[in-house]
C-alpha atoms as a PDB file:
ATOM      1  CA  MET A   1      50.074 -90.962 120.983  1.00  0.00           C
ATOM      2  CA  ALA A   2      52.165 -92.225 123.881  1.00  0.00           C
ATOM      3  CA  GLU A   3      54.600 -95.073 123.288  1.00  0.00           C
ATOM      4  CA  PHE A   4      54.834 -98.069 125.617  1.00  0.00           C
ATOM      5  CA  ASN A   5      58.544 -98.746 125.071  1.00  0.00           C
ATOM      6  CA  ALA A   6      59.622 -95.284 126.237  1.00  0.00           C
ATOM      7  CA  ALA A   7      57.558 -95.607 129.419  1.00  0.00           C
ATOM      8  CA  PHE A   8      58.681 -99.190 129.975  1.00  0.00           C
ATOM      9  CA  ASP A   9      62.382 -98.334 129.658  1.00  0.00           C
ATOM     10  CA  ARG A  10      62.067 -95.521 132.182  1.00  0.00           C
ATOM     11  CA  THR A  11      60.181 -97.709 134.627  1.00  0.00           C
ATOM     12  CA  MET A  12      62.803-100.455 134.309  1.00  0.00           C
ATOM     13  CA  LEU A  13      65.412 -97.884 135.390  1.00  0.00           C
ATOM     14  CA  ASN A  14      63.218 -96.944 138.362  1.00  0.00           C
ATOM     15  CA  GLU A  15      62.758-100.596 139.253  1.00  0.00           C
ATOM     16  CA  GLY A  16      66.481-101.349 139.157  1.00  0.00           C
ATOM     17  CA  GLY A  17      66.512-103.599 136.106  1.00  0.00           C
ATOM     18  CA  TYR A  18      66.109-107.331 135.754  1.00  0.00           C
ATOM     19  CA  LYS A  19      66.824-108.524 139.261  1.00  0.00           C
ATOM     20  CA  LEU A  20      65.110-110.819 141.727  1.00  0.00           C
ATOM     21  CA  THR A  21      64.689-109.185 145.127  1.00  0.00           C
ATOM     22  CA  SER A  22      63.115-109.952 148.474  1.00  0.00           C
ATOM     23  CA  VAL A  23      63.134-107.010 150.867  1.00  0.00           C
ATOM     24  CA  ALA A  24      61.948-107.241 154.467  1.00  0.00           C
ATOM     25  CA  ASN A  25      58.588-105.509 155.022  1.00  0.00           C
ATOM     26  CA  ASP A  26      57.990-105.054 151.265  1.00  0.00           C
ATOM     27  CA  LYS A  27      54.232-105.491 150.868  1.00  0.00           C
ATOM     28  CA  GLY A  28      54.811-106.737 147.318  1.00  0.00           C
ATOM     29  CA  ARG A  29      56.939-109.548 148.702  1.00  0.00           C
ATOM     30  CA  GLN A  30      59.342-111.094 146.193  1.00  0.00           C
ATOM     31  CA  THR A  31      59.840-109.061 143.013  1.00  0.00           C
ATOM     32  CA  TYR A  32      61.518-109.568 139.671  1.00  0.00           C
ATOM     33  CA  ALA A  33      62.244-106.504 137.511  1.00  0.00           C
ATOM     34  CA  GLY A  34      59.774-104.634 139.707  1.00  0.00           C
ATOM     35  CA  LEU A  35      57.018-107.206 139.235  1.00  0.00           C
ATOM     36  CA  SER A  36      55.602-108.206 142.579  1.00  0.00           C
ATOM     37  CA  ARG A  37      54.747-111.853 143.045  1.00  0.00           C
ATOM     38  CA  ARG A  38      51.861-110.738 145.253  1.00  0.00           C
ATOM     39  CA  ALA A  39      50.331-108.467 142.587  1.00  0.00           C
ATOM     40  CA  ASN A  40      51.156-110.768 139.650  1.00  0.00           C
ATOM     41  CA  PRO A  41      50.920-114.321 141.043  1.00  0.00           C
ATOM     42  CA  ASP A  42      49.931-115.945 137.737  1.00  0.00           C
ATOM     43  CA  TRP A  43      52.776-114.489 135.654  1.00  0.00           C
ATOM     44  CA  ASN A  44      54.506-117.256 133.705  1.00  0.00           C
ATOM     45  CA  GLY A  45      57.923-115.813 134.600  1.00  0.00           C
ATOM     46  CA  TRP A  46      57.591-117.141 138.157  1.00  0.00           C
ATOM     47  CA  LEU A  47      57.756-120.713 136.826  1.00  0.00           C
ATOM     48  CA  GLY A  48      61.200-120.023 135.376  1.00  0.00           C
ATOM     49  CA  ILE A  49      62.371-118.196 138.480  1.00  0.00           C
ATOM     50  CA  ASP A  50      61.242-121.074 140.689  1.00  0.00           C
ATOM     51  CA  ALA A  51      63.225-123.410 138.414  1.00  0.00           C
ATOM     52  CA  GLY A  52      66.326-121.212 138.742  1.00  0.00           C
ATOM     53  CA  LYS A  53      66.028-119.487 135.349  1.00  0.00           C
ATOM     54  CA  SER A  54      65.649-115.809 134.507  1.00  0.00           C
ATOM     55  CA  PRO A  55      62.551-114.731 132.577  1.00  0.00           C
ATOM     56  CA  THR A  56      63.072-113.239 129.141  1.00  0.00           C
ATOM     57  CA  VAL A  57      62.821-109.521 128.476  1.00  0.00           C
ATOM     58  CA  ASP A  58      59.816-110.304 126.261  1.00  0.00           C
ATOM     59  CA  GLN A  59      58.043-112.018 129.179  1.00  0.00           C
ATOM     60  CA  VAL A  60      58.643-108.972 131.360  1.00  0.00           C
ATOM     61  CA  ARG A  61      57.509-106.520 128.650  1.00  0.00           C
ATOM     62  CA  ALA A  62      54.383-108.570 127.964  1.00  0.00           C
ATOM     63  CA  ILE A  63      53.137-108.538 131.553  1.00  0.00           C
ATOM     64  CA  TYR A  64      53.920-104.869 132.020  1.00  0.00           C
ATOM     65  CA  ARG A  65      51.992-104.049 128.855  1.00  0.00           C
ATOM     66  CA  ALA A  66      49.047-106.324 129.684  1.00  0.00           C
ATOM     67  CA  ASN A  67      48.685-105.557 133.389  1.00  0.00           C
ATOM     68  CA  TYR A  68      49.656-101.885 133.545  1.00  0.00           C
ATOM     69  CA  TRP A  69      49.855-100.053 130.188  1.00  0.00           C
ATOM     70  CA  THR A  70      46.757-101.508 128.506  1.00  0.00           C
ATOM     71  CA  PRO A  71      44.324-101.028 131.436  1.00  0.00           C
ATOM     72  CA  LEU A  72      45.406 -97.370 131.525  1.00  0.00           C
ATOM     73  CA  LYS A  73      44.563 -97.050 127.816  1.00  0.00           C
ATOM     74  CA  ALA A  74      47.882 -95.252 127.698  1.00  0.00           C
ATOM     75  CA  ASP A  75      48.171 -95.758 123.922  1.00  0.00           C
ATOM     76  CA  GLN A  76      45.316 -93.252 123.666  1.00  0.00           C
ATOM     77  CA  ILE A  77      46.985 -90.588 125.822  1.00  0.00           C
ATOM     78  CA  THR A  78      48.503 -87.959 123.551  1.00  0.00           C
ATOM     79  CA  ASN A  79      51.218 -86.694 125.876  1.00  0.00           C
ATOM     80  CA  GLN A  80      54.094 -89.087 126.587  1.00  0.00           C
ATOM     81  CA  SER A  81      54.993 -87.532 129.943  1.00  0.00           C
ATOM     82  CA  ILE A  82      51.428 -87.914 131.253  1.00  0.00           C
ATOM     83  CA  ALA A  83      51.199 -91.514 130.037  1.00  0.00           C
ATOM     84  CA  SER A  84      54.640 -92.401 131.391  1.00  0.00           C
ATOM     85  CA  SER A  85      53.982 -90.824 134.780  1.00  0.00           C
ATOM     86  CA  LEU A  86      50.623 -92.558 135.134  1.00  0.00           C
ATOM     87  CA  TYR A  87      52.104 -95.887 134.024  1.00  0.00           C
ATOM     88  CA  ASP A  88      55.091 -95.699 136.362  1.00  0.00           C
ATOM     89  CA  PHE A  89      52.854 -94.940 139.330  1.00  0.00           C
ATOM     90  CA  ALA A  90      50.486 -97.763 138.352  1.00  0.00           C
ATOM     91  CA  VAL A  91      53.428-100.164 138.437  1.00  0.00           C
ATOM     92  CA  ASN A  92      54.341 -98.938 141.905  1.00  0.00           C
ATOM     93  CA  ALA A  93      50.905 -98.415 143.465  1.00  0.00           C
ATOM     94  CA  GLY A  94      48.466-100.419 141.347  1.00  0.00           C
ATOM     95  CA  VAL A  95      46.354 -99.402 138.369  1.00  0.00           C
ATOM     96  CA  ASN A  96      43.227 -98.518 140.352  1.00  0.00           C
ATOM     97  CA  THR A  97      45.097 -96.277 142.804  1.00  0.00           C
ATOM     98  CA  ALA A  98      47.071 -94.580 140.035  1.00  0.00           C
ATOM     99  CA  VAL A  99      43.991 -93.888 137.948  1.00  0.00           C
ATOM    100  CA  LYS A 100      41.962 -92.531 140.883  1.00  0.00           C
ATOM    101  CA  LEU A 101      44.752 -90.171 141.900  1.00  0.00           C
ATOM    102  CA  ALA A 102      45.239 -89.005 138.309  1.00  0.00           C
ATOM    103  CA  GLN A 103      41.489 -88.509 137.920  1.00  0.00           C
ATOM    104  CA  ILE A 104      41.438 -86.262 140.978  1.00  0.00           C
ATOM    105  CA  VAL A 105      44.313 -84.223 139.526  1.00  0.00           C
ATOM    106  CA  ALA A 106      42.525 -84.016 136.149  1.00  0.00           C
ATOM    107  CA  ASN A 107      39.236 -83.031 137.867  1.00  0.00           C
ATOM    108  CA  VAL A 108      37.353 -86.200 136.882  1.00  0.00           C
ATOM    109  CA  VAL A 109      35.180 -88.316 139.170  1.00  0.00           C
ATOM    110  CA  PRO A 110      37.672 -90.809 140.665  1.00  0.00           C
ATOM    111  CA  ASP A 111      36.305 -94.242 139.806  1.00  0.00           C
ATOM    112  CA  GLY A 112      39.614 -95.923 138.919  1.00  0.00           C
ATOM    113  CA  VAL A 113      38.545 -96.615 135.329  1.00  0.00           C
ATOM    114  CA  VAL A 114      40.007 -94.909 132.264  1.00  0.00           C
ATOM    115  CA  GLY A 115      36.950 -94.190 130.153  1.00  0.00           C
ATOM    116  CA  PRO A 116      36.200 -91.516 127.552  1.00  0.00           C
ATOM    117  CA  LYS A 117      35.838 -88.653 130.069  1.00  0.00           C
ATOM    118  CA  THR A 118      39.091 -89.538 131.796  1.00  0.00           C
ATOM    119  CA  LEU A 119      40.954 -89.857 128.491  1.00  0.00           C
ATOM    120  CA  ALA A 120      39.593 -86.502 127.364  1.00  0.00           C
ATOM    121  CA  ALA A 121      40.706 -84.924 130.635  1.00  0.00           C
ATOM    122  CA  PHE A 122      44.195 -86.448 130.356  1.00  0.00           C
ATOM    123  CA  ASN A 123      44.460 -85.279 126.749  1.00  0.00           C
ATOM    124  CA  ASN A 124      43.285 -81.741 127.474  1.00  0.00           C
ATOM    125  CA  ILE A 125      45.166 -80.928 130.671  1.00  0.00           C
ATOM    126  CA  GLU A 126      48.380 -78.933 130.453  1.00  0.00           C
ATOM    127  CA  PRO A 127      51.107 -81.615 130.800  1.00  0.00           C
ATOM    128  CA  ASN A 128      53.428 -79.706 133.155  1.00  0.00           C
ATOM    129  CA  LEU A 129      50.528 -78.778 135.417  1.00  0.00           C
ATOM    130  CA  PHE A 130      49.398 -82.411 135.490  1.00  0.00           C
ATOM    131  CA  ARG A 131      52.871 -83.775 136.254  1.00  0.00           C
ATOM    132  CA  LEU A 132      53.465 -81.303 139.087  1.00  0.00           C
ATOM    133  CA  ALA A 133      50.055 -81.812 140.684  1.00  0.00           C
ATOM    134  CA  PHE A 134      50.279 -85.588 140.191  1.00  0.00           C
ATOM    135  CA  SER A 135      53.733 -85.605 141.779  1.00  0.00           C
ATOM    136  CA  MET A 136      52.418 -83.783 144.843  1.00  0.00           C
ATOM    137  CA  ALA A 137      49.491 -86.206 145.079  1.00  0.00           C
ATOM    138  CA  LYS A 138      51.814 -89.234 144.829  1.00  0.00           C
ATOM    139  CA  ILE A 139      54.045 -87.907 147.606  1.00  0.00           C
ATOM    140  CA  ALA A 140      50.981 -87.320 149.794  1.00  0.00           C
ATOM    141  CA  ARG A 141      49.866 -90.882 149.081  1.00  0.00           C
ATOM    142  CA  TYR A 142      53.248 -92.291 150.098  1.00  0.00           C
ATOM    143  CA  GLU A 143      53.260 -90.180 153.266  1.00  0.00           C
ATOM    144  CA  ALA A 144      49.821 -91.556 154.151  1.00  0.00           C
ATOM    145  CA  ILE A 145      51.095 -95.122 153.701  1.00  0.00           C
ATOM    146  CA  VAL A 146      54.000 -94.476 156.066  1.00  0.00           C
ATOM    147  CA  SER A 147      51.794 -92.695 158.602  1.00  0.00           C
ATOM    148  CA  LYS A 148      49.480 -95.697 158.670  1.00  0.00           C
ATOM    149  CA  ASP A 149      52.244 -98.323 158.756  1.00  0.00           C
ATOM    150  CA  ARG A 150      55.622 -97.243 160.154  1.00  0.00           C
ATOM    151  CA  SER A 151      57.250-100.446 158.828  1.00  0.00           C
ATOM    152  CA  GLN A 152      57.059 -98.809 155.412  1.00  0.00           C
ATOM    153  CA  ASP A 153      59.112 -95.740 156.343  1.00  0.00           C
ATOM    154  CA  LYS A 154      62.297 -97.271 154.941  1.00  0.00           C
ATOM    155  CA  PHE A 155      60.736 -97.038 151.464  1.00  0.00           C
ATOM    156  CA  LEU A 156      59.614 -93.393 151.693  1.00  0.00           C
ATOM    157  CA  LEU A 157      62.835 -91.748 150.516  1.00  0.00           C
ATOM    158  CA  GLY A 158      63.047 -94.066 147.494  1.00  0.00           C
ATOM    159  CA  TRP A 159      59.418 -93.402 146.611  1.00  0.00           C
ATOM    160  CA  VAL A 160      59.912 -89.640 146.859  1.00  0.00           C
ATOM    161  CA  ARG A 161      63.074 -89.818 144.734  1.00  0.00           C
ATOM    162  CA  ARG A 162      61.138 -91.753 142.111  1.00  0.00           C
ATOM    163  CA  VAL A 163      58.418 -89.090 142.074  1.00  0.00           C
ATOM    164  CA  LEU A 164      60.944 -86.259 141.823  1.00  0.00           C
ATOM    165  CA  LYS A 165      62.769 -87.981 138.963  1.00  0.00           C
ATOM    166  CA  ASP A 166      59.436 -88.340 137.175  1.00  0.00           C
ATOM    167  CA  ALA A 167      58.660 -84.657 137.711  1.00  0.00           C
ATOM    168  CA  GLU A 168      61.851 -83.526 135.947  1.00  0.00           C
END
């Protein structure tokens, strides 16, 4: 079964580590260690940040596990590369979007919920085929975002690099 810590460590590299950032036109607004204040407004780490303190690694791990890994039921995915790819995209695009895109790739009705049929599809698909098709779908998704909102074009190259790194 897939391991959270391996996926988490890779995503932390993609997110640039434990830093507080505010980037103009970032729809996630302020982020810490890749956690968007907009998507995770109730995270207890924001209280520390607002008081001038850095959250602990355990606080960061806990929210990533609770809000991204667990809803994906990634512990039940047998292939680490599939679980890690799905998890990393969920962190970047949201769980519902990531699951729907992965369901399309795995030829499952895209409802955004990881149930028994979706898990079976993820566990029976050839991992390299999934990763390549999922990578193409993620790039298409990012291109659609930029086409709809040109203020997001400054993020496109970084998003594509992230996808290509994941596809390695």
